[in-house]
Amino acid sequence: MWQRLKKHQFLFEELVKRDFKKKYKRTVLGMAWSILSPLLTLLVMRLVFTQFFGRDTPHYTTYLFCGNLIFSYFRESSNEGMSCLLGNSKIFSKVNVPKYLFLFSKNVQTLINFGLTLCVFFLFCVIDNITFTWKFIFLLYPIACLVVFSLGIGLILSALFIFFRDIRYLWTVFLRLLSYLSAIFYTIDQYSKMGQYAFYLNPIYVFIRYFRKIVIEATIPTLEFHLLLLFYTAAAFGLGCWMYVKYNHKFLYYV
C-alpha cells in the first residue's frame, strides 16, 4: 500500500491541494472556520448544558471540549470519506490508480483541521486550570488509533455509498444517535455498572474517555483499555480494506 502511495505521490499531493481549495472557496475566513466551527459548537453546548449537566462536573468546559473534539473529527472524516469515490469517479474510471488514494487525501485535510483544533483545546486546558503532566504524551496513542479507525470507517462507507446512495441519509441519523450515546455533554455516573460497561461498546466513547482520563483525571488507562481501543481500530480498518479488495473491480460498474 505505502509503495503504491509513494508511486502516486504527485497525484496524492494534488488531490490534497484541490480539496483544500474547494472547501474554503469563496469564504472570507477560509481555514479559520476549521477552528471557529468547533468553538462555536462548544459555546452553544456549554450555554445549553451547563445548567443541566455541568454543575457537579469538574472542568466541565474541558470535559465538553474532549467529547466535541473527538466526535467532530470522526463526523467530518466519515462524511468527507463517504463520497470520495463517487466524487472522483471521473478520474479512476479513466486512469488506473489506487482508489483508496482519494480517501486518504480527504483525511489529510480533516487531520490538519483536527490538529488546529487540538492546539486550541490545549489553550482551553490552560484557561481551565488543567495541570499539564508528562502523561499527556499518551494522547498520541488514541489520536493515532482515531485516525486509522476513521480511515477504516471511511473505506467502509465509501464502498457502500457506491452501491447504496441511501447510506448518506442513514449515516446522518446514525451520527445523531451516536452523539447522544457518546456521553459528550453528560457523565455516565448515574447509570448502573452494567449500564456504564455498555458505553464501551461504542468506540467513539472509548476514544473520548481516554482523552478525559489523561487530561482531566491525570491517569493512564489500563492495558485492557489500550487493547480495546486497538481492537476497534484494527476491526474497522481491516473490514474497510477487505471491502476494497473484494469489491474494487465492481466500483466502475456503479459510478
Protein backbone atom coordinates (compact mmCIF):
# COMPACT_ATOMS: atom_id res chain seq x y z
CA MET A 1 0.00 0.00 0.00
CA TRP A 2 2.69 2.50 1.01
CA GLN A 3 4.73 1.71 -2.10
CA ARG A 4 1.72 2.45 -4.29
CA LEU A 5 1.13 5.69 -2.39
CA LYS A 6 4.73 6.71 -3.00
CA LYS A 7 4.36 5.83 -6.67
CA HIS A 8 1.36 8.15 -6.96
CA GLN A 9 2.74 10.82 -4.63
CA PHE A 10 2.22 13.65 -7.13
CA LEU A 11 -1.46 12.77 -7.64
CA PHE A 12 -1.93 12.46 -3.88
CA GLU A 13 -0.48 15.92 -3.25
CA GLU A 14 -2.61 17.46 -5.99
CA LEU A 15 -5.74 15.86 -4.54
CA VAL A 16 -4.98 17.33 -1.11
CA LYS A 17 -4.42 20.79 -2.61
CA ARG A 18 -7.63 20.54 -4.63
CA ASP A 19 -9.70 19.52 -1.61
CA PHE A 20 -8.37 22.43 0.45
CA LYS A 21 -9.10 24.97 -2.27
CA LYS A 22 -12.56 23.52 -2.87
CA LYS A 23 -13.56 23.51 0.78
CA TYR A 24 -12.63 27.12 1.52
CA LYS A 25 -13.51 28.57 -1.88
CA ARG A 26 -15.50 31.83 -1.68
CA THR A 27 -15.21 32.03 2.13
CA VAL A 28 -13.96 35.18 3.82
CA LEU A 29 -12.36 33.50 6.83
CA GLY A 30 -11.02 30.45 4.97
CA MET A 31 -9.22 27.95 7.22
CA ALA A 32 -10.26 29.93 10.28
CA TRP A 33 -13.59 28.10 10.05
CA SER A 34 -11.72 24.90 10.96
CA ILE A 35 -11.24 26.40 14.41
CA LEU A 36 -14.32 28.60 14.65
CA SER A 37 -16.79 25.82 13.82
CA PRO A 38 -15.93 23.52 16.78
CA LEU A 39 -15.53 26.54 19.08
CA LEU A 40 -18.99 27.85 18.24
CA THR A 41 -20.41 24.38 18.75
CA LEU A 42 -18.65 24.18 22.10
CA LEU A 43 -20.03 27.58 23.11
CA VAL A 44 -23.60 26.55 22.27
CA MET A 45 -23.23 23.24 24.12
CA ARG A 46 -21.80 24.99 27.19
CA LEU A 47 -24.62 27.52 27.27
CA VAL A 48 -27.27 24.86 26.86
CA PHE A 49 -25.97 22.01 29.00
CA THR A 50 -24.05 23.66 31.85
CA GLN A 51 -27.14 24.23 33.98
CA PHE A 52 -28.38 20.67 33.45
CA PHE A 53 -25.25 18.50 33.46
CA GLY A 54 -22.23 20.64 34.34
CA ARG A 55 -22.95 21.86 37.84
CA ASP A 56 -21.17 18.97 39.58
CA THR A 57 -18.70 18.08 36.81
CA PRO A 58 -15.13 19.31 37.39
CA HIS A 59 -13.61 21.21 34.45
CA TYR A 60 -16.87 20.94 32.54
CA THR A 61 -15.66 23.10 29.63
CA THR A 62 -12.68 20.80 29.07
CA TYR A 63 -14.98 17.80 29.56
CA LEU A 64 -17.23 19.10 26.78
CA PHE A 65 -14.30 20.02 24.55
CA CYS A 66 -12.84 16.48 24.78
CA GLY A 67 -16.08 14.99 23.52
CA ASN A 68 -16.67 17.62 20.87
CA LEU A 69 -13.07 17.41 19.61
CA ILE A 70 -13.16 13.65 19.04
CA PHE A 71 -16.68 13.45 17.69
CA SER A 72 -16.28 16.41 15.31
CA TYR A 73 -13.19 14.84 13.75
CA PHE A 74 -14.91 11.48 13.33
CA ARG A 75 -18.03 13.08 11.86
CA GLU A 76 -16.08 15.20 9.38
CA SER A 77 -13.76 12.36 8.41
CA SER A 78 -16.57 9.88 7.82
CA ASN A 79 -18.80 12.34 5.95
CA GLU A 80 -15.98 13.53 3.70
CA GLY A 81 -14.74 9.99 3.11
CA MET A 82 -18.16 8.62 2.22
CA SER A 83 -18.44 10.48 -1.10
CA CYS A 84 -14.73 10.44 -2.02
CA LEU A 85 -15.04 7.55 -4.50
CA LEU A 86 -18.15 8.81 -6.24
CA GLY A 87 -16.78 12.34 -6.34
CA ASN A 88 -13.61 11.18 -8.10
CA SER A 89 -15.16 8.58 -10.37
CA LYS A 90 -14.18 10.55 -13.50
CA ILE A 91 -10.53 10.07 -12.53
CA PHE A 92 -10.35 6.40 -11.59
CA SER A 93 -12.71 5.36 -14.38
CA LYS A 94 -10.14 6.63 -16.89
CA VAL A 95 -6.84 6.17 -15.05
CA ASN A 96 -5.74 3.09 -13.13
CA VAL A 97 -4.90 4.49 -9.68
CA PRO A 98 -5.42 3.08 -6.18
CA LYS A 99 -8.94 4.09 -5.21
CA TYR A 100 -8.10 4.46 -1.52
CA LEU A 101 -5.87 7.36 -2.58
CA PHE A 102 -8.93 9.62 -2.73
CA LEU A 103 -9.99 8.70 0.79
CA PHE A 104 -6.50 9.25 2.20
CA SER A 105 -6.28 12.70 0.59
CA LYS A 106 -9.59 13.69 2.19
CA ASN A 107 -8.34 12.57 5.58
CA VAL A 108 -5.20 14.70 5.32
CA GLN A 109 -7.46 17.74 5.18
CA THR A 110 -9.57 16.66 8.16
CA LEU A 111 -6.45 15.70 10.11
CA ILE A 112 -4.97 19.18 9.66
CA ASN A 113 -8.25 20.68 10.88
CA PHE A 114 -8.12 18.34 13.86
CA GLY A 115 -4.54 19.41 14.64
CA LEU A 116 -5.50 23.09 14.62
CA THR A 117 -8.47 22.44 16.91
CA LEU A 118 -6.26 20.35 19.20
CA CYS A 119 -3.97 23.36 19.69
CA VAL A 120 -6.98 25.45 20.73
CA PHE A 121 -8.06 22.62 23.03
CA PHE A 122 -4.74 22.77 24.89
CA LEU A 123 -5.19 26.53 25.22
CA PHE A 124 -8.58 25.97 26.81
CA CYS A 125 -6.97 23.47 29.17
CA VAL A 126 -4.65 26.25 30.37
CA ILE A 127 -7.60 28.62 30.85
CA ASP A 128 -9.50 25.88 32.71
CA ASN A 129 -6.52 25.38 35.09
CA ILE A 130 -5.74 21.87 33.85
CA THR A 131 -2.34 20.68 35.07
CA PHE A 132 -0.15 19.53 32.20
CA THR A 133 1.81 16.38 33.05
CA TRP A 134 4.13 14.00 31.23
CA LYS A 135 1.12 11.72 30.82
CA PHE A 136 -0.14 13.97 28.00
CA ILE A 137 2.32 12.17 25.71
CA PHE A 138 -0.04 9.19 25.88
CA LEU A 139 -2.59 11.20 23.88
CA LEU A 140 -0.58 10.23 20.80
CA TYR A 141 -1.95 6.71 21.12
CA PRO A 142 -5.69 7.50 20.89
CA ILE A 143 -5.01 10.12 18.20
CA ALA A 144 -3.15 7.58 16.04
CA CYS A 145 -5.87 4.97 16.64
CA LEU A 146 -8.61 7.52 15.88
CA VAL A 147 -7.01 8.41 12.53
CA VAL A 148 -6.72 4.75 11.47
CA PHE A 149 -10.20 3.95 12.83
CA SER A 150 -11.70 6.85 10.86
CA LEU A 151 -9.86 5.69 7.73
CA GLY A 152 -11.39 2.26 8.19
CA ILE A 153 -14.91 3.65 8.60
CA GLY A 154 -14.29 5.87 5.56
CA LEU A 155 -13.28 2.85 3.49
CA ILE A 156 -16.44 1.02 4.53
CA LEU A 157 -18.77 3.98 3.91
CA SER A 158 -17.24 4.98 0.57
CA ALA A 159 -17.58 1.41 -0.71
CA LEU A 160 -21.19 1.12 0.49
CA PHE A 161 -22.06 4.54 -0.92
CA ILE A 162 -21.11 3.38 -4.40
CA PHE A 163 -23.79 0.66 -4.24
CA PHE A 164 -26.37 2.24 -1.91
CA ARG A 165 -26.82 6.03 -2.09
CA ASP A 166 -29.27 5.88 0.83
CA ILE A 167 -26.28 5.35 3.11
CA ARG A 168 -25.76 9.14 3.31
CA TYR A 169 -29.16 9.69 4.93
CA LEU A 170 -28.90 6.68 7.20
CA TRP A 171 -25.43 7.75 8.33
CA THR A 172 -26.68 11.25 9.22
CA VAL A 173 -29.31 9.73 11.50
CA PHE A 174 -26.79 7.28 12.95
CA LEU A 175 -24.31 10.07 13.74
CA ARG A 176 -27.02 11.95 15.61
CA LEU A 177 -27.78 8.85 17.67
CA LEU A 178 -24.07 8.19 18.20
CA SER A 179 -23.52 11.71 19.54
CA TYR A 180 -26.16 11.11 22.23
CA LEU A 181 -24.62 7.74 23.12
CA SER A 182 -21.06 9.09 23.43
CA ALA A 183 -21.54 10.98 26.72
CA ILE A 184 -20.27 14.21 25.18
CA PHE A 185 -22.23 16.56 27.45
CA TYR A 186 -23.18 14.29 30.36
CA THR A 187 -21.48 11.81 32.68
CA ILE A 188 -22.37 8.12 32.99
CA ASP A 189 -22.06 8.02 36.79
CA GLN A 190 -25.83 7.84 37.25
CA TYR A 191 -26.03 4.52 35.40
CA SER A 192 -25.54 1.08 36.90
CA LYS A 193 -22.25 -0.74 36.48
CA MET A 194 -23.74 -2.81 33.67
CA GLY A 195 -25.04 0.35 32.00
CA GLN A 196 -21.62 2.00 32.26
CA TYR A 197 -19.94 -1.01 30.70
CA ALA A 198 -22.43 -0.85 27.81
CA PHE A 199 -20.96 2.53 26.81
CA TYR A 200 -17.69 0.78 26.00
CA LEU A 201 -19.44 -0.94 23.10
CA ASN A 202 -19.30 2.49 21.45
CA PRO A 203 -15.78 3.05 20.01
CA ILE A 204 -16.19 6.85 19.95
CA TYR A 205 -16.95 6.89 23.67
CA VAL A 206 -13.78 4.87 24.29
CA PHE A 207 -11.70 7.48 22.42
CA ILE A 208 -13.36 10.32 24.34
CA ARG A 209 -12.95 8.52 27.66
CA TYR A 210 -9.23 8.00 27.00
CA PHE A 211 -8.76 11.75 26.43
CA ARG A 212 -10.65 12.62 29.61
CA LYS A 213 -8.67 10.15 31.69
CA ILE A 214 -5.37 11.74 30.63
CA VAL A 215 -6.39 15.40 30.53
CA ILE A 216 -8.89 15.76 33.39
CA GLU A 217 -8.15 12.82 35.69
CA ALA A 218 -4.37 12.69 35.02
CA THR A 219 -4.46 8.89 34.97
CA ILE A 220 -3.16 6.45 32.38
CA PRO A 221 -5.81 3.97 31.17
CA THR A 222 -5.32 0.29 31.87
CA LEU A 223 -3.78 -2.19 29.47
CA GLU A 224 -7.25 -3.61 28.78
CA PHE A 225 -8.40 -0.13 27.77
CA HIS A 226 -5.49 0.18 25.32
CA LEU A 227 -6.26 -3.24 23.85
CA LEU A 228 -9.95 -2.38 23.44
CA LEU A 229 -9.01 0.76 21.53
CA LEU A 230 -6.63 -1.25 19.36
CA PHE A 231 -9.31 -3.87 18.70
CA TYR A 232 -11.84 -1.31 17.45
CA THR A 233 -9.17 0.31 15.27
CA ALA A 234 -7.95 -2.94 13.73
CA ALA A 235 -11.50 -4.22 13.18
CA ALA A 236 -12.66 -1.05 11.36
CA PHE A 237 -9.54 -0.72 9.22
CA GLY A 238 -9.37 -4.45 8.48
CA LEU A 239 -13.01 -4.57 7.39
CA GLY A 240 -12.56 -1.47 5.24
CA CYS A 241 -9.51 -2.91 3.48
CA TRP A 242 -11.31 -6.22 2.93
CA MET A 243 -14.27 -4.45 1.30
CA TYR A 244 -11.98 -2.53 -1.06
CA VAL A 245 -10.15 -5.70 -2.07
CA LYS A 246 -13.36 -7.68 -2.54
CA TYR A 247 -15.43 -5.08 -4.41
CA ASN A 248 -12.71 -3.00 -6.07
CA HIS A 249 -13.46 -4.40 -9.53
CA LYS A 250 -17.20 -3.64 -9.18
CA PHE A 251 -16.89 0.07 -8.38
CA LEU A 252 -16.59 1.04 -12.06
CA TYR A 253 -19.97 -0.51 -12.86
CA TYR A 254 -21.89 1.58 -10.32
CA VAL A 255 -20.41 5.09 -10.66
